[in-house]
PDB file of N, CA and C in Angstrom:
ATOM      1  N   MET A   1      63.611 174.736 182.094  1.00  0.00           N
ATOM      2  CA  MET A   1      64.709 175.584 182.450  1.00  0.00           C
ATOM      3  C   MET A   1      65.447 175.073 183.689  1.00  0.00           C
ATOM      4  N   ILE A   2      64.724 174.751 184.701  1.00  0.00           N
ATOM      5  CA  ILE A   2      65.353 174.221 185.928  1.00  0.00           C
ATOM      6  C   ILE A   2      66.076 172.906 185.645  1.00  0.00           C
ATOM      7  N   SER A   3      65.486 172.134 184.803  1.00  0.00           N
ATOM      8  CA  SER A   3      66.108 170.807 184.437  1.00  0.00           C
ATOM      9  C   SER A   3      67.447 171.072 183.759  1.00  0.00           C
ATOM     10  N   LEU A   4      67.515 172.030 182.840  1.00  0.00           N
ATOM     11  CA  LEU A   4      68.789 172.368 182.157  1.00  0.00           C
ATOM     12  C   LEU A   4      69.822 172.856 183.159  1.00  0.00           C
ATOM     13  N   ILE A   5      69.437 173.681 184.088  1.00  0.00           N
ATOM     14  CA  ILE A   5      70.358 174.239 185.095  1.00  0.00           C
ATOM     15  C   ILE A   5      70.901 173.067 185.940  1.00  0.00           C
ATOM     16  N   MET A   6      70.018 172.202 186.360  1.00  0.00           N
ATOM     17  CA  MET A   6      70.449 171.035 187.126  1.00  0.00           C
ATOM     18  C   MET A   6      71.434 170.154 186.365  1.00  0.00           C
ATOM     19  N   TYR A   7      71.151 170.036 185.110  1.00  0.00           N
ATOM     20  CA  TYR A   7      72.082 169.186 184.243  1.00  0.00           C
ATOM     21  C   TYR A   7      73.423 169.863 184.140  1.00  0.00           C
ATOM     22  N   VAL A   8      73.482 171.134 183.977  1.00  0.00           N
ATOM     23  CA  VAL A   8      74.772 171.870 183.908  1.00  0.00           C
ATOM     24  C   VAL A   8      75.528 171.854 185.193  1.00  0.00           C
ATOM     25  N   VAL A   9      74.795 172.045 186.285  1.00  0.00           N
ATOM     26  CA  VAL A   9      75.430 172.146 187.621  1.00  0.00           C
ATOM     27  C   VAL A   9      75.911 170.767 188.131  1.00  0.00           C
ATOM     28  N   PHE A  10      75.060 169.737 188.005  1.00  0.00           N
ATOM     29  CA  PHE A  10      75.401 168.451 188.548  1.00  0.00           C
ATOM     30  C   PHE A  10      76.013 167.435 187.604  1.00  0.00           C
ATOM     31  N   GLY A  11      75.932 167.672 186.289  1.00  0.00           N
ATOM     32  CA  GLY A  11      76.428 166.696 185.369  1.00  0.00           C
ATOM     33  C   GLY A  11      75.382 165.642 185.078  1.00  0.00           C
ATOM     34  N   TYR A  12      75.748 164.857 184.038  1.00  0.00           N
ATOM     35  CA  TYR A  12      74.743 163.881 183.490  1.00  0.00           C
ATOM     36  C   TYR A  12      74.302 162.835 184.499  1.00  0.00           C
ATOM     37  N   TYR A  13      75.249 162.184 185.191  1.00  0.00           N
ATOM     38  CA  TYR A  13      74.859 161.083 186.102  1.00  0.00           C
ATOM     39  C   TYR A  13      74.157 161.534 187.350  1.00  0.00           C
ATOM     40  N   TYR A  14      74.607 162.607 187.954  1.00  0.00           N
ATOM     41  CA  TYR A  14      73.870 163.107 189.114  1.00  0.00           C
ATOM     42  C   TYR A  14      72.551 163.693 188.718  1.00  0.00           C
ATOM     43  N   TYR A  15      72.464 164.337 187.550  1.00  0.00           N
ATOM     44  CA  TYR A  15      71.198 164.876 187.106  1.00  0.00           C
ATOM     45  C   TYR A  15      70.168 163.724 186.924  1.00  0.00           C
ATOM     46  N   LYS A  16      70.611 162.625 186.324  1.00  0.00           N
ATOM     47  CA  LYS A  16      69.693 161.465 186.118  1.00  0.00           C
ATOM     48  C   LYS A  16      69.203 160.936 187.463  1.00  0.00           C
ATOM     49  N   SER A  17      70.090 160.832 188.427  1.00  0.00           N
ATOM     50  CA  SER A  17      69.714 160.315 189.764  1.00  0.00           C
ATOM     51  C   SER A  17      68.761 161.265 190.498  1.00  0.00           C
ATOM     52  N   ILE A  18      69.059 162.553 190.358  1.00  0.00           N
ATOM     53  CA  ILE A  18      68.166 163.487 191.058  1.00  0.00           C
ATOM     54  C   ILE A  18      66.795 163.519 190.405  1.00  0.00           C
ATOM     55  N   MET A  19      66.718 163.481 189.112  1.00  0.00           N
ATOM     56  CA  MET A  19      65.416 163.469 188.408  1.00  0.00           C
ATOM     57  C   MET A  19      64.637 162.177 188.702  1.00  0.00           C
ATOM     58  N   ALA A  20      65.373 161.066 188.812  1.00  0.00           N
ATOM     59  CA  ALA A  20      64.709 159.819 189.148  1.00  0.00           C
ATOM     60  C   ALA A  20      64.059 159.915 190.595  1.00  0.00           C
ATOM     61  N   GLY A  21      64.797 160.530 191.497  1.00  0.00           N
ATOM     62  CA  GLY A  21      64.286 160.715 192.887  1.00  0.00           C
ATOM     63  C   GLY A  21      63.091 161.694 192.858  1.00  0.00           C
ATOM     64  N   VAL A  22      63.219 162.772 192.133  1.00  0.00           N
ATOM     65  CA  VAL A  22      62.071 163.697 192.036  1.00  0.00           C
ATOM     66  C   VAL A  22      60.851 163.075 191.506  1.00  0.00           C
ATOM     67  N   LEU A  23      61.012 162.291 190.395  1.00  0.00           N
ATOM     68  CA  LEU A  23      59.883 161.698 189.751  1.00  0.00           C
ATOM     69  C   LEU A  23      59.227 160.627 190.682  1.00  0.00           C
ATOM     70  N   THR A  24      60.121 159.811 191.354  1.00  0.00           N
ATOM     71  CA  THR A  24      59.599 158.801 192.309  1.00  0.00           C
ATOM     72  C   THR A  24      58.807 159.477 193.458  1.00  0.00           C
ATOM     73  N   GLY A  25      59.399 160.573 193.999  1.00  0.00           N
ATOM     74  CA  GLY A  25      58.724 161.320 195.061  1.00  0.00           C
ATOM     75  C   GLY A  25      57.414 161.850 194.639  1.00  0.00           C
ATOM     76  N   TYR A  26      57.320 162.417 193.441  1.00  0.00           N
ATOM     77  CA  TYR A  26      56.107 162.957 192.974  1.00  0.00           C
ATOM     78  C   TYR A  26      55.005 161.875 192.775  1.00  0.00           C
ATOM     79  N   ILE A  27      55.419 160.741 192.187  1.00  0.00           N
ATOM     80  CA  ILE A  27      54.466 159.640 191.983  1.00  0.00           C
ATOM     81  C   ILE A  27      53.939 159.139 193.360  1.00  0.00           C
ATOM     82  N   LEU A  28      54.821 158.973 194.349  1.00  0.00           N
ATOM     83  CA  LEU A  28      54.330 158.562 195.646  1.00  0.00           C
ATOM     84  C   LEU A  28      53.413 159.563 196.321  1.00  0.00           C
ATOM     85  N   TYR A  29      53.718 160.848 196.172  1.00  0.00           N
ATOM     86  CA  TYR A  29      52.871 161.936 196.660  1.00  0.00           C
ATOM     87  C   TYR A  29      51.524 161.837 195.982  1.00  0.00           C
ATOM     88  N   ASP A  30      51.474 161.680 194.677  1.00  0.00           N
ATOM     89  CA  ASP A  30      50.280 161.653 193.906  1.00  0.00           C
ATOM     90  C   ASP A  30      49.434 160.422 194.286  1.00  0.00           C
ATOM     91  N   MET A  31      50.029 159.307 194.434  1.00  0.00           N
ATOM     92  CA  MET A  31      49.317 158.085 194.855  1.00  0.00           C
ATOM     93  C   MET A  31      48.708 158.275 196.221  1.00  0.00           C
ATOM     94  N   THR A  32      49.470 158.910 197.142  1.00  0.00           N
ATOM     95  CA  THR A  32      48.955 159.163 198.508  1.00  0.00           C
ATOM     96  C   THR A  32      47.764 160.112 198.414  1.00  0.00           C
ATOM     97  N   HIS A  33      47.902 161.178 197.622  1.00  0.00           N
ATOM     98  CA  HIS A  33      46.774 162.112 197.460  1.00  0.00           C
ATOM     99  C   HIS A  33      45.505 161.427 196.908  1.00  0.00           C
ATOM    100  N   TYR A  34      45.706 160.571 195.945  1.00  0.00           N
ATOM    101  CA  TYR A  34      44.585 159.827 195.398  1.00  0.00           C
ATOM    102  C   TYR A  34      43.955 158.947 196.456  1.00  0.00           C
ATOM    103  N   TYR A  35      44.759 158.244 197.185  1.00  0.00           N
ATOM    104  CA  TYR A  35      44.263 157.355 198.217  1.00  0.00           C
ATOM    105  C   TYR A  35      43.477 158.152 199.302  1.00  0.00           C
ATOM    106  N   ILE A  36      43.996 159.290 199.633  1.00  0.00           N
ATOM    107  CA  ILE A  36      43.298 160.131 200.681  1.00  0.00           C
ATOM    108  C   ILE A  36      41.922 160.551 200.159  1.00  0.00           C
ATOM    109  N   HIS A  37      41.792 160.897 198.895  1.00  0.00           N
ATOM    110  CA  HIS A  37      40.575 161.297 198.343  1.00  0.00           C
ATOM    111  C   HIS A  37      39.577 160.192 198.043  1.00  0.00           C
ATOM    112  N   HIS A  38      40.016 159.093 197.583  1.00  0.00           N
ATOM    113  CA  HIS A  38      39.143 158.074 196.975  1.00  0.00           C
ATOM    114  C   HIS A  38      38.973 156.750 197.746  1.00  0.00           C
ATOM    115  N   ASN A  39      39.654 156.623 198.835  1.00  0.00           N
ATOM    116  CA  ASN A  39      39.519 155.384 199.580  1.00  0.00           C
ATOM    117  C   ASN A  39      39.085 155.687 201.047  1.00  0.00           C
ATOM    118  N   LYS A  40      38.696 154.728 201.756  1.00  0.00           N
ATOM    119  CA  LYS A  40      38.355 154.835 203.173  1.00  0.00           C
ATOM    120  C   LYS A  40      39.435 154.242 203.984  1.00  0.00           C
ATOM    121  N   PRO A  41      40.316 155.094 204.536  1.00  0.00           N
ATOM    122  CA  PRO A  41      41.500 154.615 205.332  1.00  0.00           C
ATOM    123  C   PRO A  41      40.996 153.762 206.557  1.00  0.00           C
ATOM    124  N   THR A  42      41.786 152.793 206.937  1.00  0.00           N
ATOM    125  CA  THR A  42      41.427 151.973 208.097  1.00  0.00           C
ATOM    126  C   THR A  42      42.377 152.264 209.252  1.00  0.00           C
ATOM    127  N   SER A  43      43.591 152.634 209.053  1.00  0.00           N
ATOM    128  CA  SER A  43      44.516 152.863 210.194  1.00  0.00           C
ATOM    129  C   SER A  43      44.309 154.344 210.707  1.00  0.00           C
ATOM    130  N   SER A  44      44.666 154.540 211.950  1.00  0.00           N
ATOM    131  CA  SER A  44      44.460 155.876 212.555  1.00  0.00           C
ATOM    132  C   SER A  44      45.352 156.927 211.896  1.00  0.00           C
ATOM    133  N   TYR A  45      46.515 156.566 211.424  1.00  0.00           N
ATOM    134  CA  TYR A  45      47.410 157.500 210.747  1.00  0.00           C
ATOM    135  C   TYR A  45      46.773 158.050 209.466  1.00  0.00           C
ATOM    136  N   TRP A  46      46.227 157.184 208.666  1.00  0.00           N
ATOM    137  CA  TRP A  46      45.643 157.606 207.365  1.00  0.00           C
ATOM    138  C   TRP A  46      44.290 158.299 207.611  1.00  0.00           C
ATOM    139  N   LYS A  47      43.542 157.896 208.675  1.00  0.00           N
ATOM    140  CA  LYS A  47      42.305 158.598 208.990  1.00  0.00           C
ATOM    141  C   LYS A  47      42.599 160.027 209.417  1.00  0.00           C
ATOM    142  N   GLU A  48      43.676 160.223 210.218  1.00  0.00           N
ATOM    143  CA  GLU A  48      44.031 161.560 210.634  1.00  0.00           C
ATOM    144  C   GLU A  48      44.448 162.382 209.421  1.00  0.00           C
ATOM    145  N   LEU A  49      45.288 161.835 208.514  1.00  0.00           N
ATOM    146  CA  LEU A  49      45.673 162.554 207.316  1.00  0.00           C
ATOM    147  C   LEU A  49      44.493 162.916 206.478  1.00  0.00           C
ATOM    148  N   LYS A  50      43.560 162.052 206.351  1.00  0.00           N
ATOM    149  CA  LYS A  50      42.391 162.303 205.544  1.00  0.00           C
ATOM    150  C   LYS A  50      41.570 163.469 206.096  1.00  0.00           C
ATOM    151  N   SER A  51      41.337 163.457 207.433  1.00  0.00           N
ATOM    152  CA  SER A  51      40.575 164.561 208.042  1.00  0.00           C
ATOM    153  C   SER A  51      41.420 165.864 207.959  1.00  0.00           C
ATOM    154  N   TYR A  52      42.692 165.795 208.079  1.00  0.00           N
ATOM    155  CA  TYR A  52      43.523 167.008 207.892  1.00  0.00           C
ATOM    156  C   TYR A  52      43.402 167.552 206.500  1.00  0.00           C
ATOM    157  N   HIS A  53      43.430 166.626 205.531  1.00  0.00           N
ATOM    158  CA  HIS A  53      43.416 167.114 204.142  1.00  0.00           C
ATOM    159  C   HIS A  53      41.985 167.635 203.807  1.00  0.00           C
ATOM    160  N   VAL A  54      40.964 167.092 204.397  1.00  0.00           N
ATOM    161  CA  VAL A  54      39.611 167.660 204.170  1.00  0.00           C
ATOM    162  C   VAL A  54      39.533 169.100 204.713  1.00  0.00           C
ATOM    163  N   LEU A  55      40.181 169.336 205.888  1.00  0.00           N
ATOM    164  CA  LEU A  55      40.243 170.696 206.437  1.00  0.00           C
ATOM    165  C   LEU A  55      40.949 171.640 205.448  1.00  0.00           C
ATOM    166  N   HIS A  56      41.968 171.141 204.775  1.00  0.00           N
ATOM    167  CA  HIS A  56      42.727 171.953 203.796  1.00  0.00           C
ATOM    168  C   HIS A  56      41.787 172.342 202.703  1.00  0.00           C
ATOM    169  N   HIS A  57      40.950 171.418 202.197  1.00  0.00           N
ATOM    170  CA  HIS A  57      40.111 171.725 201.065  1.00  0.00           C
ATOM    171  C   HIS A  57      38.883 172.633 201.480  1.00  0.00           C
ATOM    172  N   TYR A  58      38.336 172.375 202.615  1.00  0.00           N
ATOM    173  CA  TYR A  58      37.018 173.017 202.967  1.00  0.00           C
ATOM    174  C   TYR A  58      37.116 174.134 204.024  1.00  0.00           C
ATOM    175  N   LYS A  59      38.241 174.208 204.756  1.00  0.00           N
ATOM    176  CA  LYS A  59      38.351 175.232 205.802  1.00  0.00           C
ATOM    177  C   LYS A  59      39.273 176.382 205.350  1.00  0.00           C
ATOM    178  N   ASP A  60      40.489 176.006 204.987  1.00  0.00           N
ATOM    179  CA  ASP A  60      41.412 177.080 204.594  1.00  0.00           C
ATOM    180  C   ASP A  60      42.408 176.446 203.604  1.00  0.00           C
ATOM    181  N   PRO A  61      42.258 176.715 202.323  1.00  0.00           N
ATOM    182  CA  PRO A  61      43.147 176.197 201.299  1.00  0.00           C
ATOM    183  C   PRO A  61      44.534 176.785 201.289  1.00  0.00           C
ATOM    184  N   LYS A  62      44.739 177.821 202.137  1.00  0.00           N
ATOM    185  CA  LYS A  62      46.092 178.458 202.200  1.00  0.00           C
ATOM    186  C   LYS A  62      46.950 177.802 203.271  1.00  0.00           C
ATOM    187  N   LEU A  63      46.371 176.811 204.006  1.00  0.00           N
ATOM    188  CA  LEU A  63      47.145 176.129 205.050  1.00  0.00           C
ATOM    189  C   LEU A  63      46.929 174.606 204.881  1.00  0.00           C
ATOM    190  N   GLY A  64      47.747 173.873 205.569  1.00  0.00           N
ATOM    191  CA  GLY A  64      47.604 172.430 205.631  1.00  0.00           C
ATOM    192  C   GLY A  64      47.915 171.711 204.308  1.00  0.00           C
ATOM    193  N   PHE A  65      49.103 171.888 203.777  1.00  0.00           N
ATOM    194  CA  PHE A  65      49.538 171.296 202.542  1.00  0.00           C
ATOM    195  C   PHE A  65      50.030 169.843 202.691  1.00  0.00           C
ATOM    196  N   GLY A  66      50.273 169.388 203.918  1.00  0.00           N
ATOM    197  CA  GLY A  66      50.823 168.054 204.124  1.00  0.00           C
ATOM    198  C   GLY A  66      49.817 166.991 203.739  1.00  0.00           C
ATOM    199  N   VAL A  67      50.014 166.287 202.641  1.00  0.00           N
ATOM    200  CA  VAL A  67      49.125 165.216 202.274  1.00  0.00           C
ATOM    201  C   VAL A  67      49.637 163.907 202.859  1.00  0.00           C
ATOM    202  N   SER A  68      50.914 163.641 202.792  1.00  0.00           N
ATOM    203  CA  SER A  68      51.453 162.376 203.285  1.00  0.00           C
ATOM    204  C   SER A  68      51.988 162.493 204.685  1.00  0.00           C
ATOM    205  N   ASN A  69      52.267 163.718 205.146  1.00  0.00           N
ATOM    206  CA  ASN A  69      52.658 163.980 206.564  1.00  0.00           C
ATOM    207  C   ASN A  69      52.641 165.467 206.811  1.00  0.00           C
ATOM    208  N   LYS A  70      52.703 165.864 208.077  1.00  0.00           N
ATOM    209  CA  LYS A  70      52.580 167.310 208.407  1.00  0.00           C
ATOM    210  C   LYS A  70      53.942 167.959 208.631  1.00  0.00           C
ATOM    211  N   LEU A  71      55.057 167.296 208.388  1.00  0.00           N
ATOM    212  CA  LEU A  71      56.363 167.797 208.647  1.00  0.00           C
ATOM    213  C   LEU A  71      56.571 169.203 208.067  1.00  0.00           C
ATOM    214  N   TRP A  72      56.357 169.321 206.801  1.00  0.00           N
ATOM    215  CA  TRP A  72      56.640 170.607 206.123  1.00  0.00           C
ATOM    216  C   TRP A  72      55.662 171.708 206.561  1.00  0.00           C
ATOM    217  N   ASP A  73      54.490 171.299 207.005  1.00  0.00           N
ATOM    218  CA  ASP A  73      53.553 172.304 207.483  1.00  0.00           C
ATOM    219  C   ASP A  73      54.113 172.928 208.797  1.00  0.00           C
ATOM    220  N   TYR A  74      54.760 172.116 209.653  1.00  0.00           N
ATOM    221  CA  TYR A  74      55.415 172.648 210.799  1.00  0.00           C
ATOM    222  C   TYR A  74      56.593 173.494 210.466  1.00  0.00           C
ATOM    223  N   VAL A  75      57.401 173.072 209.478  1.00  0.00           N
ATOM    224  CA  VAL A  75      58.599 173.835 209.076  1.00  0.00           C
ATOM    225  C   VAL A  75      58.202 175.165 208.510  1.00  0.00           C
ATOM    226  N   PHE A  76      57.152 175.220 207.634  1.00  0.00           N
ATOM    227  CA  PHE A  76      56.773 176.478 206.985  1.00  0.00           C
ATOM    228  C   PHE A  76      55.629 177.183 207.700  1.00  0.00           C
ATOM    229  N   ASP A  77      55.287 176.744 208.868  1.00  0.00           N
ATOM    230  CA  ASP A  77      54.208 177.342 209.689  1.00  0.00           C
ATOM    231  C   ASP A  77      52.886 177.436 208.964  1.00  0.00           C
ATOM    232  N   THR A  78      52.478 176.328 208.339  1.00  0.00           N
ATOM    233  CA  THR A  78      51.227 176.265 207.602  1.00  0.00           C
ATOM    234  C   THR A  78      50.329 175.191 208.202  1.00  0.00           C
ATOM    235  N   VAL A  79      50.541 174.813 209.437  1.00  0.00           N
ATOM    236  CA  VAL A  79      49.762 173.780 210.100  1.00  0.00           C
ATOM    237  C   VAL A  79      48.272 174.322 210.195  1.00  0.00           C
ATOM    238  N   LEU A  80      47.344 173.425 209.871  1.00  0.00           N
ATOM    239  CA  LEU A  80      45.948 173.765 209.967  1.00  0.00           C
ATOM    240  C   LEU A  80      45.326 173.044 211.121  1.00  0.00           C
ATOM    241  N   TYR A  81      44.732 173.805 212.002  1.00  0.00           N
ATOM    242  CA  TYR A  81      44.113 173.185 213.216  1.00  0.00           C
ATOM    243  C   TYR A  81      42.602 173.163 213.034  1.00  0.00           C
ATOM    244  N   ALA A  82      41.983 172.145 213.582  1.00  0.00           N
ATOM    245  CA  ALA A  82      40.545 172.027 213.481  1.00  0.00           C
ATOM    246  C   ALA A  82      39.864 173.149 214.285  1.00  0.00           C
ATOM    247  N   ASP A  83      40.470 173.601 215.328  1.00  0.00           N
ATOM    248  CA  ASP A  83      40.043 174.666 216.141  1.00  0.00           C
ATOM    249  C   ASP A  83      40.428 175.987 215.515  1.00  0.00           C
ATOM    250  N   SER A  84      39.500 176.765 215.017  1.00  0.00           N
ATOM    251  CA  SER A  84      39.817 177.954 214.251  1.00  0.00           C
ATOM    252  C   SER A  84      40.583 179.014 215.030  1.00  0.00           C
ATOM    253  N   LYS A  85      40.475 179.012 216.388  1.00  0.00           N
ATOM    254  CA  LYS A  85      41.211 180.055 217.197  1.00  0.00           C
ATOM    255  C   LYS A  85      42.726 179.832 217.107  1.00  0.00           C
ATOM    256  N   LYS A  86      43.168 178.603 216.917  1.00  0.00           N
ATOM    257  CA  LYS A  86      44.609 178.371 216.817  1.00  0.00           C
ATOM    258  C   LYS A  86      45.223 178.858 215.537  1.00  0.00           C
ATOM    259  N   ASN A  87      44.424 178.984 214.460  1.00  0.00           N
ATOM    260  CA  ASN A  87      44.933 179.441 213.146  1.00  0.00           C
ATOM    261  C   ASN A  87      44.981 180.962 213.010  1.00  0.00           C
ATOM    262  N   GLN A  88      44.468 181.706 214.040  1.00  0.00           N
ATOM    263  CA  GLN A  88      44.485 183.176 213.901  1.00  0.00           C
ATOM    264  C   GLN A  88      45.666 183.816 214.517  1.00  0.00           C
TER     265      GLN A  88
END
């Protein structure tokens, strides 16, 4: 239904471009999520994201949705802290 609305609102060519961007973004997100779960990161950035994501799964699944970065967790106030006092 959303796809049909986007097609009507944006037209054929913009719709195709938007859908290509959405699909590419989702694939990159999914690949990042897979990497976080199944590989052993070597850089500090990926290690931090992996530990953050583990907190999301095992501490509070209602917080910490940022798999590839924490930007939207800050925007939507869903940042997950390792120290439980900060989340209360």
